[in-house]
Amino acid sequence: MFHKVYNKKQTCAYSVYKQFRNSLNRIIKISKNPYYEKLINLKNNSKKLWQSLGHLIKFKSKTNKVPQSVVSGQGDDVYGPLNIANEFNNYFSEIGSRMAE
């Protein structure tokens, strides 16, 4: 309907479109309140309550991303999970003594 109105640019058609759009938005807004109340009004089941809230918020779970490479303290690129882990271990085990200097 919007495209018909927009392409023709008729005042009467735009007025009808605007009334229809406003009434539809009003109905949607009125319908959301009972839906959300029913969804959140889970007094005895906290698990379902948190699932509902997570669905409403669209909470994304965190994913653990491992870097493919890191730069060592000497400026060399380090590849592979074991080598990267060792490089992080060296860095964090030596940082205390470097900060104390």
PDB file of N, CA and C in Angstrom:
ATOM      1  N   MET A   1       0.826  -1.183   0.000  1.00  0.00           N
ATOM      2  CA  MET A   1       0.000   0.000   0.000  1.00  0.00           C
ATOM      3  C   MET A   1       0.875   1.253   0.000  1.00  0.00           C
ATOM      4  N   PHE A   2       1.942   1.243   0.778  1.00  0.00           N
ATOM      5  CA  PHE A   2       2.812   2.409   0.857  1.00  0.00           C
ATOM      6  C   PHE A   2       3.418   2.725  -0.503  1.00  0.00           C
ATOM      7  N   HIS A   3       3.843   1.680  -1.241  1.00  0.00           N
ATOM      8  CA  HIS A   3       4.466   1.910  -2.536  1.00  0.00           C
ATOM      9  C   HIS A   3       3.474   2.497  -3.538  1.00  0.00           C
ATOM     10  N   LYS A   4       2.227   2.071  -3.471  1.00  0.00           N
ATOM     11  CA  LYS A   4       1.209   2.648  -4.352  1.00  0.00           C
ATOM     12  C   LYS A   4       1.026   4.126  -4.054  1.00  0.00           C
ATOM     13  N   VAL A   5       0.974   4.456  -2.791  1.00  0.00           N
ATOM     14  CA  VAL A   5       0.780   5.844  -2.387  1.00  0.00           C
ATOM     15  C   VAL A   5       2.006   6.668  -2.745  1.00  0.00           C
ATOM     16  N   TYR A   6       3.172   6.123  -2.480  1.00  0.00           N
ATOM     17  CA  TYR A   6       4.408   6.869  -2.698  1.00  0.00           C
ATOM     18  C   TYR A   6       4.627   7.150  -4.184  1.00  0.00           C
ATOM     19  N   ASN A   7       4.332   6.148  -5.034  1.00  0.00           N
ATOM     20  CA  ASN A   7       4.540   6.322  -6.470  1.00  0.00           C
ATOM     21  C   ASN A   7       3.535   7.300  -7.077  1.00  0.00           C
ATOM     22  N   LYS A   8       2.290   7.295  -6.617  1.00  0.00           N
ATOM     23  CA  LYS A   8       1.263   8.164  -7.185  1.00  0.00           C
ATOM     24  C   LYS A   8       1.278   9.553  -6.567  1.00  0.00           C
ATOM     25  N   LYS A   9       1.743   9.650  -5.330  1.00  0.00           N
ATOM     26  CA  LYS A   9       1.825  10.906  -4.598  1.00  0.00           C
ATOM     27  C   LYS A   9       0.483  11.655  -4.595  1.00  0.00           C
ATOM     28  N   GLN A  10      -0.570  10.892  -4.309  1.00  0.00           N
ATOM     29  CA  GLN A  10      -1.898  11.492  -4.226  1.00  0.00           C
ATOM     30  C   GLN A  10      -2.206  11.781  -2.764  1.00  0.00           C
ATOM     31  N   THR A  11      -2.736  12.957  -2.505  1.00  0.00           N
ATOM     32  CA  THR A  11      -3.019  13.390  -1.150  1.00  0.00           C
ATOM     33  C   THR A  11      -4.087  12.527  -0.498  1.00  0.00           C
ATOM     34  N   CYS A  12      -5.125  12.179  -1.234  1.00  0.00           N
ATOM     35  CA  CYS A  12      -6.219  11.367  -0.679  1.00  0.00           C
ATOM     36  C   CYS A  12      -5.718   9.967  -0.323  1.00  0.00           C
ATOM     37  N   ALA A  13      -4.954   9.365  -1.217  1.00  0.00           N
ATOM     38  CA  ALA A  13      -4.433   8.028  -0.961  1.00  0.00           C
ATOM     39  C   ALA A  13      -3.468   8.044   0.216  1.00  0.00           C
ATOM     40  N   TYR A  14      -2.679   9.099   0.341  1.00  0.00           N
ATOM     41  CA  TYR A  14      -1.743   9.197   1.458  1.00  0.00           C
ATOM     42  C   TYR A  14      -2.494   9.338   2.773  1.00  0.00           C
ATOM     43  N   SER A  15      -3.587  10.057   2.762  1.00  0.00           N
ATOM     44  CA  SER A  15      -4.400  10.228   3.964  1.00  0.00           C
ATOM     45  C   SER A  15      -4.970   8.882   4.422  1.00  0.00           C
ATOM     46  N   VAL A  16      -5.462   8.088   3.484  1.00  0.00           N
ATOM     47  CA  VAL A  16      -6.006   6.763   3.807  1.00  0.00           C
ATOM     48  C   VAL A  16      -4.894   5.864   4.327  1.00  0.00           C
ATOM     49  N   TYR A  17      -3.749   5.912   3.668  1.00  0.00           N
ATOM     50  CA  TYR A  17      -2.607   5.113   4.112  1.00  0.00           C
ATOM     51  C   TYR A  17      -2.195   5.487   5.529  1.00  0.00           C
ATOM     52  N   LYS A  18      -2.133   6.775   5.817  1.00  0.00           N
ATOM     53  CA  LYS A  18      -1.712   7.247   7.129  1.00  0.00           C
ATOM     54  C   LYS A  18      -2.684   6.795   8.213  1.00  0.00           C
ATOM     55  N   GLN A  19      -3.981   6.853   7.944  1.00  0.00           N
ATOM     56  CA  GLN A  19      -4.971   6.391   8.922  1.00  0.00           C
ATOM     57  C   GLN A  19      -4.825   4.894   9.171  1.00  0.00           C
ATOM     58  N   PHE A  20      -4.649   4.131   8.111  1.00  0.00           N
ATOM     59  CA  PHE A  20      -4.480   2.690   8.246  1.00  0.00           C
ATOM     60  C   PHE A  20      -3.216   2.367   9.038  1.00  0.00           C
ATOM     61  N   ARG A  21      -2.110   3.041   8.725  1.00  0.00           N
ATOM     62  CA  ARG A  21      -0.842   2.818   9.418  1.00  0.00           C
ATOM     63  C   ARG A  21      -0.961   3.135  10.902  1.00  0.00           C
ATOM     64  N   ASN A  22      -1.601   4.263  11.227  1.00  0.00           N
ATOM     65  CA  ASN A  22      -1.745   4.661  12.621  1.00  0.00           C
ATOM     66  C   ASN A  22      -2.620   3.686  13.403  1.00  0.00           C
ATOM     67  N   SER A  23      -3.704   3.227  12.801  1.00  0.00           N
ATOM     68  CA  SER A  23      -4.574   2.278  13.509  1.00  0.00           C
ATOM     69  C   SER A  23      -3.863   0.937  13.703  1.00  0.00           C
ATOM     70  N   LEU A  24      -3.099   0.506  12.718  1.00  0.00           N
ATOM     71  CA  LEU A  24      -2.344  -0.737  12.849  1.00  0.00           C
ATOM     72  C   LEU A  24      -1.304  -0.620  13.957  1.00  0.00           C
ATOM     73  N   ASN A  25      -0.578   0.483  14.008  1.00  0.00           N
ATOM     74  CA  ASN A  25       0.418   0.678  15.068  1.00  0.00           C
ATOM     75  C   ASN A  25      -0.236   0.737  16.439  1.00  0.00           C
ATOM     76  N   ARG A  26      -1.410   1.325  16.535  1.00  0.00           N
ATOM     77  CA  ARG A  26      -2.132   1.395  17.807  1.00  0.00           C
ATOM     78  C   ARG A  26      -2.542  -0.009  18.263  1.00  0.00           C
ATOM     79  N   ILE A  27      -3.039  -0.824  17.342  1.00  0.00           N
ATOM     80  CA  ILE A  27      -3.453  -2.197  17.676  1.00  0.00           C
ATOM     81  C   ILE A  27      -2.245  -3.022  18.115  1.00  0.00           C
ATOM     82  N   ILE A  28      -1.138  -2.867  17.439  1.00  0.00           N
ATOM     83  CA  ILE A  28       0.077  -3.597  17.805  1.00  0.00           C
ATOM     84  C   ILE A  28       0.534  -3.197  19.198  1.00  0.00           C
ATOM     85  N   LYS A  29       0.523  -1.905  19.487  1.00  0.00           N
ATOM     86  CA  LYS A  29       0.959  -1.415  20.799  1.00  0.00           C
ATOM     87  C   LYS A  29       0.050  -1.931  21.903  1.00  0.00           C
ATOM     88  N   ILE A  30      -1.259  -1.938  21.670  1.00  0.00           N
ATOM     89  CA  ILE A  30      -2.215  -2.426  22.666  1.00  0.00           C
ATOM     90  C   ILE A  30      -2.042  -3.929  22.880  1.00  0.00           C
ATOM     91  N   SER A  31      -1.726  -4.659  21.832  1.00  0.00           N
ATOM     92  CA  SER A  31      -1.578  -6.114  21.934  1.00  0.00           C
ATOM     93  C   SER A  31      -0.287  -6.528  22.628  1.00  0.00           C
ATOM     94  N   LYS A  32       0.740  -5.692  22.575  1.00  0.00           N
ATOM     95  CA  LYS A  32       2.021  -6.046  23.179  1.00  0.00           C
ATOM     96  C   LYS A  32       1.948  -6.100  24.701  1.00  0.00           C
ATOM     97  N   ASN A  33       1.202  -5.216  25.328  1.00  0.00           N
ATOM     98  CA  ASN A  33       1.154  -5.160  26.791  1.00  0.00           C
ATOM     99  C   ASN A  33       0.701  -6.473  27.426  1.00  0.00           C
ATOM    100  N   PRO A  34      -0.452  -7.041  27.036  1.00  0.00           N
ATOM    101  CA  PRO A  34      -0.840  -8.330  27.651  1.00  0.00           C
ATOM    102  C   PRO A  34       0.146  -9.455  27.335  1.00  0.00           C
ATOM    103  N   TYR A  35       0.731  -9.418  26.147  1.00  0.00           N
ATOM    104  CA  TYR A  35       1.696 -10.452  25.775  1.00  0.00           C
ATOM    105  C   TYR A  35       2.902 -10.409  26.708  1.00  0.00           C
ATOM    106  N   TYR A  36       3.464  -9.234  26.905  1.00  0.00           N
ATOM    107  CA  TYR A  36       4.635  -9.100  27.775  1.00  0.00           C
ATOM    108  C   TYR A  36       4.291  -9.396  29.232  1.00  0.00           C
ATOM    109  N   GLU A  37       3.114  -8.989  29.678  1.00  0.00           N
ATOM    110  CA  GLU A  37       2.698  -9.287  31.050  1.00  0.00           C
ATOM    111  C   GLU A  37       2.596 -10.786  31.272  1.00  0.00           C
ATOM    112  N   LYS A  38       2.019 -11.488  30.310  1.00  0.00           N
ATOM    113  CA  LYS A  38       1.884 -12.935  30.423  1.00  0.00           C
ATOM    114  C   LYS A  38       3.263 -13.602  30.393  1.00  0.00           C
ATOM    115  N   LEU A  39       4.140 -13.089  29.574  1.00  0.00           N
ATOM    116  CA  LEU A  39       5.469 -13.661  29.431  1.00  0.00           C
ATOM    117  C   LEU A  39       6.305 -13.468  30.690  1.00  0.00           C
ATOM    118  N   ILE A  40       6.183 -12.321  31.324  1.00  0.00           N
ATOM    119  CA  ILE A  40       6.998 -12.004  32.496  1.00  0.00           C
ATOM    120  C   ILE A  40       6.352 -12.491  33.784  1.00  0.00           C
ATOM    121  N   ASN A  41       5.063 -12.731  33.789  1.00  0.00           N
ATOM    122  CA  ASN A  41       4.348 -13.109  35.008  1.00  0.00           C
ATOM    123  C   ASN A  41       4.486 -14.606  35.290  1.00  0.00           C
ATOM    124  N   LEU A  42       5.713 -15.065  35.401  1.00  0.00           N
ATOM    125  CA  LEU A  42       6.006 -16.466  35.718  1.00  0.00           C
ATOM    126  C   LEU A  42       6.583 -16.510  37.124  1.00  0.00           C
ATOM    127  N   LYS A  43       5.712 -16.431  38.121  1.00  0.00           N
ATOM    128  CA  LYS A  43       6.148 -16.295  39.512  1.00  0.00           C
ATOM    129  C   LYS A  43       6.860 -17.534  40.038  1.00  0.00           C
ATOM    130  N   ASN A  44       6.417 -18.714  39.627  1.00  0.00           N
ATOM    131  CA  ASN A  44       6.936 -19.944  40.229  1.00  0.00           C
ATOM    132  C   ASN A  44       8.082 -20.574  39.443  1.00  0.00           C
ATOM    133  N   ASN A  45       8.358 -20.084  38.242  1.00  0.00           N
ATOM    134  CA  ASN A  45       9.372 -20.718  37.414  1.00  0.00           C
ATOM    135  C   ASN A  45      10.388 -19.677  36.960  1.00  0.00           C
ATOM    136  N   SER A  46      11.456 -19.526  37.724  1.00  0.00           N
ATOM    137  CA  SER A  46      12.449 -18.501  37.410  1.00  0.00           C
ATOM    138  C   SER A  46      13.230 -18.836  36.143  1.00  0.00           C
ATOM    139  N   LYS A  47      13.388 -20.116  35.850  1.00  0.00           N
ATOM    140  CA  LYS A  47      14.120 -20.505  34.642  1.00  0.00           C
ATOM    141  C   LYS A  47      13.393 -20.008  33.401  1.00  0.00           C
ATOM    142  N   LYS A  48      12.078 -20.221  33.361  1.00  0.00           N
ATOM    143  CA  LYS A  48      11.300 -19.760  32.209  1.00  0.00           C
ATOM    144  C   LYS A  48      11.269 -18.234  32.143  1.00  0.00           C
ATOM    145  N   LEU A  49      11.260 -17.588  33.312  1.00  0.00           N
ATOM    146  CA  LEU A  49      11.281 -16.124  33.341  1.00  0.00           C
ATOM    147  C   LEU A  49      12.551 -15.596  32.687  1.00  0.00           C
ATOM    148  N   TRP A  50      13.695 -16.155  33.062  1.00  0.00           N
ATOM    149  CA  TRP A  50      14.957 -15.687  32.497  1.00  0.00           C
ATOM    150  C   TRP A  50      15.076 -16.044  31.022  1.00  0.00           C
ATOM    151  N   GLN A  51      14.529 -17.180  30.621  1.00  0.00           N
ATOM    152  CA  GLN A  51      14.515 -17.523  29.198  1.00  0.00           C
ATOM    153  C   GLN A  51      13.677 -16.521  28.416  1.00  0.00           C
ATOM    154  N   SER A  52      12.539 -16.139  28.982  1.00  0.00           N
ATOM    155  CA  SER A  52      11.677 -15.159  28.315  1.00  0.00           C
ATOM    156  C   SER A  52      12.362 -13.806  28.213  1.00  0.00           C
ATOM    157  N   LEU A  53      12.997 -13.394  29.295  1.00  0.00           N
ATOM    158  CA  LEU A  53      13.709 -12.112  29.267  1.00  0.00           C
ATOM    159  C   LEU A  53      14.863 -12.149  28.263  1.00  0.00           C
ATOM    160  N   GLY A  54      15.576 -13.263  28.227  1.00  0.00           N
ATOM    161  CA  GLY A  54      16.655 -13.408  27.256  1.00  0.00           C
ATOM    162  C   GLY A  54      16.145 -13.348  25.828  1.00  0.00           C
ATOM    163  N   HIS A  55      14.963 -13.937  25.602  1.00  0.00           N
ATOM    164  CA  HIS A  55      14.363 -13.896  24.272  1.00  0.00           C
ATOM    165  C   HIS A  55      13.953 -12.471  23.910  1.00  0.00           C
ATOM    166  N   LEU A  56      13.398 -11.736  24.865  1.00  0.00           N
ATOM    167  CA  LEU A  56      12.973 -10.365  24.599  1.00  0.00           C
ATOM    168  C   LEU A  56      14.162  -9.457  24.323  1.00  0.00           C
ATOM    169  N   ILE A  57      15.225  -9.657  25.082  1.00  0.00           N
ATOM    170  CA  ILE A  57      16.404  -8.812  24.933  1.00  0.00           C
ATOM    171  C   ILE A  57      17.253  -9.262  23.752  1.00  0.00           C
ATOM    172  N   LYS A  58      17.034 -10.482  23.303  1.00  0.00           N
ATOM    173  CA  LYS A  58      17.829 -11.095  22.246  1.00  0.00           C
ATOM    174  C   LYS A  58      19.290 -11.181  22.663  1.00  0.00           C
ATOM    175  N   PHE A  59      19.476 -11.727  23.862  1.00  0.00           N
ATOM    176  CA  PHE A  59      20.801 -11.889  24.438  1.00  0.00           C
ATOM    177  C   PHE A  59      21.587 -12.908  23.631  1.00  0.00           C
ATOM    178  N   LYS A  60      22.768 -12.535  23.208  1.00  0.00           N
ATOM    179  CA  LYS A  60      23.620 -13.447  22.456  1.00  0.00           C
ATOM    180  C   LYS A  60      24.647 -14.048  23.403  1.00  0.00           C
ATOM    181  N   SER A  61      24.813 -15.338  23.292  1.00  0.00           N
ATOM    182  CA  SER A  61      25.799 -15.981  24.154  1.00  0.00           C
ATOM    183  C   SER A  61      27.204 -15.631  23.667  1.00  0.00           C
ATOM    184  N   LYS A  62      28.112 -15.590  24.608  1.00  0.00           N
ATOM    185  CA  LYS A  62      29.490 -15.271  24.272  1.00  0.00           C
ATOM    186  C   LYS A  62      30.150 -16.482  23.637  1.00  0.00           C
ATOM    187  N   THR A  63      30.907 -16.223  22.616  1.00  0.00           N
ATOM    188  CA  THR A  63      31.655 -17.305  21.994  1.00  0.00           C
ATOM    189  C   THR A  63      33.124 -17.077  22.281  1.00  0.00           C
ATOM    190  N   ASN A  64      33.811 -18.140  22.541  1.00  0.00           N
ATOM    191  CA  ASN A  64      35.246 -18.057  22.803  1.00  0.00           C
ATOM    192  C   ASN A  64      35.985 -18.129  21.475  1.00  0.00           C
ATOM    193  N   LYS A  65      36.643 -17.043  21.126  1.00  0.00           N
ATOM    194  CA  LYS A  65      37.401 -17.010  19.887  1.00  0.00           C
ATOM    195  C   LYS A  65      38.886 -17.021  20.239  1.00  0.00           C
ATOM    196  N   VAL A  66      39.575 -17.964  19.679  1.00  0.00           N
ATOM    197  CA  VAL A  66      41.004 -18.099  19.913  1.00  0.00           C
ATOM    198  C   VAL A  66      41.718 -17.401  18.768  1.00  0.00           C
ATOM    199  N   PRO A  67      42.703 -16.553  19.087  1.00  0.00           N
ATOM    200  CA  PRO A  67      43.424 -15.877  18.004  1.00  0.00           C
ATOM    201  C   PRO A  67      44.234 -16.874  17.186  1.00  0.00           C
ATOM    202  N   GLN A  68      44.358 -16.605  15.904  1.00  0.00           N
ATOM    203  CA  GLN A  68      45.124 -17.485  15.024  1.00  0.00           C
ATOM    204  C   GLN A  68      46.619 -17.265  15.171  1.00  0.00           C
ATOM    205  N   SER A  69      47.004 -16.021  15.536  1.00  0.00           N
ATOM    206  CA  SER A  69      48.416 -15.727  15.754  1.00  0.00           C
ATOM    207  C   SER A  69      48.545 -14.549  16.706  1.00  0.00           C
ATOM    208  N   VAL A  70      49.705 -14.447  17.361  1.00  0.00           N
ATOM    209  CA  VAL A  70      50.023 -13.316  18.228  1.00  0.00           C
ATOM    210  C   VAL A  70      51.455 -12.896  17.926  1.00  0.00           C
ATOM    211  N   VAL A  71      51.780 -11.685  18.366  1.00  0.00           N
ATOM    212  CA  VAL A  71      53.141 -11.193  18.198  1.00  0.00           C
ATOM    213  C   VAL A  71      53.846 -11.329  19.541  1.00  0.00           C
ATOM    214  N   SER A  72      54.992 -11.985  19.529  1.00  0.00           N
ATOM    215  CA  SER A  72      55.730 -12.219  20.778  1.00  0.00           C
ATOM    216  C   SER A  72      56.419 -10.937  21.218  1.00  0.00           C
ATOM    217  N   GLY A  73      57.006 -10.975  22.397  1.00  0.00           N
ATOM    218  CA  GLY A  73      57.733  -9.829  22.932  1.00  0.00           C
ATOM    219  C   GLY A  73      58.933  -9.454  22.074  1.00  0.00           C
ATOM    220  N   GLN A  74      59.459 -10.390  21.317  1.00  0.00           N
ATOM    221  CA  GLN A  74      60.598 -10.129  20.439  1.00  0.00           C
ATOM    222  C   GLN A  74      60.163  -9.632  19.066  1.00  0.00           C
ATOM    223  N   GLY A  75      58.854  -9.579  18.816  1.00  0.00           N
ATOM    224  CA  GLY A  75      58.337  -9.104  17.538  1.00  0.00           C
ATOM    225  C   GLY A  75      58.077 -10.204  16.526  1.00  0.00           C
ATOM    226  N   ASP A  76      58.216 -11.446  16.910  1.00  0.00           N
ATOM    227  CA  ASP A  76      57.976 -12.574  16.008  1.00  0.00           C
ATOM    228  C   ASP A  76      56.507 -12.970  16.055  1.00  0.00           C
ATOM    229  N   ASP A  77      55.982 -13.444  14.925  1.00  0.00           N
ATOM    230  CA  ASP A  77      54.621 -13.981  14.893  1.00  0.00           C
ATOM    231  C   ASP A  77      54.641 -15.407  15.440  1.00  0.00           C
ATOM    232  N   VAL A  78      53.684 -15.711  16.304  1.00  0.00           N
ATOM    233  CA  VAL A  78      53.591 -17.037  16.909  1.00  0.00           C
ATOM    234  C   VAL A  78      52.267 -17.650  16.471  1.00  0.00           C
ATOM    235  N   TYR A  79      52.318 -18.869  15.944  1.00  0.00           N
ATOM    236  CA  TYR A  79      51.132 -19.573  15.448  1.00  0.00           C
ATOM    237  C   TYR A  79      50.918 -20.847  16.247  1.00  0.00           C
ATOM    238  N   GLY A  80      49.695 -21.337  16.225  1.00  0.00           N
ATOM    239  CA  GLY A  80      49.357 -22.596  16.888  1.00  0.00           C
ATOM    240  C   GLY A  80      48.896 -22.370  18.317  1.00  0.00           C
ATOM    241  N   PRO A  81      47.867 -23.098  18.737  1.00  0.00           N
ATOM    242  CA  PRO A  81      47.292 -22.887  20.062  1.00  0.00           C
ATOM    243  C   PRO A  81      48.273 -23.100  21.209  1.00  0.00           C
ATOM    244  N   LEU A  82      49.114 -24.114  21.115  1.00  0.00           N
ATOM    245  CA  LEU A  82      50.066 -24.386  22.195  1.00  0.00           C
ATOM    246  C   LEU A  82      51.118 -23.281  22.292  1.00  0.00           C
ATOM    247  N   ASN A  83      51.638 -22.852  21.156  1.00  0.00           N
ATOM    248  CA  ASN A  83      52.635 -21.782  21.144  1.00  0.00           C
ATOM    249  C   ASN A  83      52.041 -20.457  21.616  1.00  0.00           C
ATOM    250  N   ILE A  84      50.814 -20.191  21.222  1.00  0.00           N
ATOM    251  CA  ILE A  84      50.138 -18.963  21.657  1.00  0.00           C
ATOM    252  C   ILE A  84      49.921 -18.997  23.163  1.00  0.00           C
ATOM    253  N   ALA A  85      49.488 -20.150  23.687  1.00  0.00           N
ATOM    254  CA  ALA A  85      49.279 -20.286  25.131  1.00  0.00           C
ATOM    255  C   ALA A  85      50.578 -20.085  25.884  1.00  0.00           C
ATOM    256  N   ASN A  86      51.664 -20.634  25.378  1.00  0.00           N
ATOM    257  CA  ASN A  86      52.965 -20.463  26.022  1.00  0.00           C
ATOM    258  C   ASN A  86      53.404 -18.999  25.993  1.00  0.00           C
ATOM    259  N   GLU A  87      53.134 -18.323  24.890  1.00  0.00           N
ATOM    260  CA  GLU A  87      53.508 -16.906  24.781  1.00  0.00           C
ATOM    261  C   GLU A  87      52.734 -16.055  25.793  1.00  0.00           C
ATOM    262  N   PHE A  88      51.429 -16.329  25.925  1.00  0.00           N
ATOM    263  CA  PHE A  88      50.632 -15.622  26.939  1.00  0.00           C
ATOM    264  C   PHE A  88      51.141 -15.942  28.339  1.00  0.00           C
ATOM    265  N   ASN A  89      51.476 -17.191  28.597  1.00  0.00           N
ATOM    266  CA  ASN A  89      51.991 -17.597  29.901  1.00  0.00           C
ATOM    267  C   ASN A  89      53.288 -16.855  30.227  1.00  0.00           C
ATOM    268  N   ASN A  90      54.191 -16.788  29.265  1.00  0.00           N
ATOM    269  CA  ASN A  90      55.446 -16.065  29.475  1.00  0.00           C
ATOM    270  C   ASN A  90      55.186 -14.589  29.757  1.00  0.00           C
ATOM    271  N   TYR A  91      54.302 -14.003  28.988  1.00  0.00           N
ATOM    272  CA  TYR A  91      54.015 -12.575  29.157  1.00  0.00           C
ATOM    273  C   TYR A  91      53.468 -12.284  30.556  1.00  0.00           C
ATOM    274  N   PHE A  92      52.454 -13.040  30.969  1.00  0.00           N
ATOM    275  CA  PHE A  92      51.813 -12.764  32.251  1.00  0.00           C
ATOM    276  C   PHE A  92      52.669 -13.196  33.442  1.00  0.00           C
ATOM    277  N   SER A  93      53.558 -14.152  33.260  1.00  0.00           N
ATOM    278  CA  SER A  93      54.427 -14.540  34.374  1.00  0.00           C
ATOM    279  C   SER A  93      55.571 -13.544  34.566  1.00  0.00           C
ATOM    280  N   GLU A  94      55.935 -12.816  33.521  1.00  0.00           N
ATOM    281  CA  GLU A  94      57.031 -11.851  33.617  1.00  0.00           C
ATOM    282  C   GLU A  94      56.570 -10.413  33.843  1.00  0.00           C
ATOM    283  N   ILE A  95      55.293 -10.145  33.665  1.00  0.00           N
ATOM    284  CA  ILE A  95      54.822  -8.745  33.749  1.00  0.00           C
ATOM    285  C   ILE A  95      54.992  -8.165  35.139  1.00  0.00           C
ATOM    286  N   GLY A  96      54.828  -8.964  36.182  1.00  0.00           N
ATOM    287  CA  GLY A  96      54.967  -8.473  37.553  1.00  0.00           C
ATOM    288  C   GLY A  96      56.364  -7.967  37.828  1.00  0.00           C
ATOM    289  N   SER A  97      57.359  -8.739  37.423  1.00  0.00           N
ATOM    290  CA  SER A  97      58.737  -8.304  37.670  1.00  0.00           C
ATOM    291  C   SER A  97      59.088  -7.090  36.807  1.00  0.00           C
ATOM    292  N   ARG A  98      58.556  -6.991  35.610  1.00  0.00           N
ATOM    293  CA  ARG A  98      58.820  -5.831  34.762  1.00  0.00           C
ATOM    294  C   ARG A  98      58.158  -4.571  35.327  1.00  0.00           C
ATOM    295  N   MET A  99      56.961  -4.720  35.890  1.00  0.00           N
ATOM    296  CA  MET A  99      56.254  -3.567  36.453  1.00  0.00           C
ATOM    297  C   MET A  99      56.914  -3.092  37.736  1.00  0.00           C
ATOM    298  N   ALA A 100      57.567  -3.987  38.472  1.00  0.00           N
ATOM    299  CA  ALA A 100      58.201  -3.635  39.733  1.00  0.00           C
ATOM    300  C   ALA A 100      59.495  -2.845  39.516  1.00  0.00           C
ATOM    301  N   GLU A 101      60.075  -2.944  38.334  1.00  0.00           N
ATOM    302  CA  GLU A 101      61.351  -2.257  38.068  1.00  0.00           C
ATOM    303  C   GLU A 101      61.181  -0.779  37.929  1.00  0.00           C
TER     304      GLU A 101
END
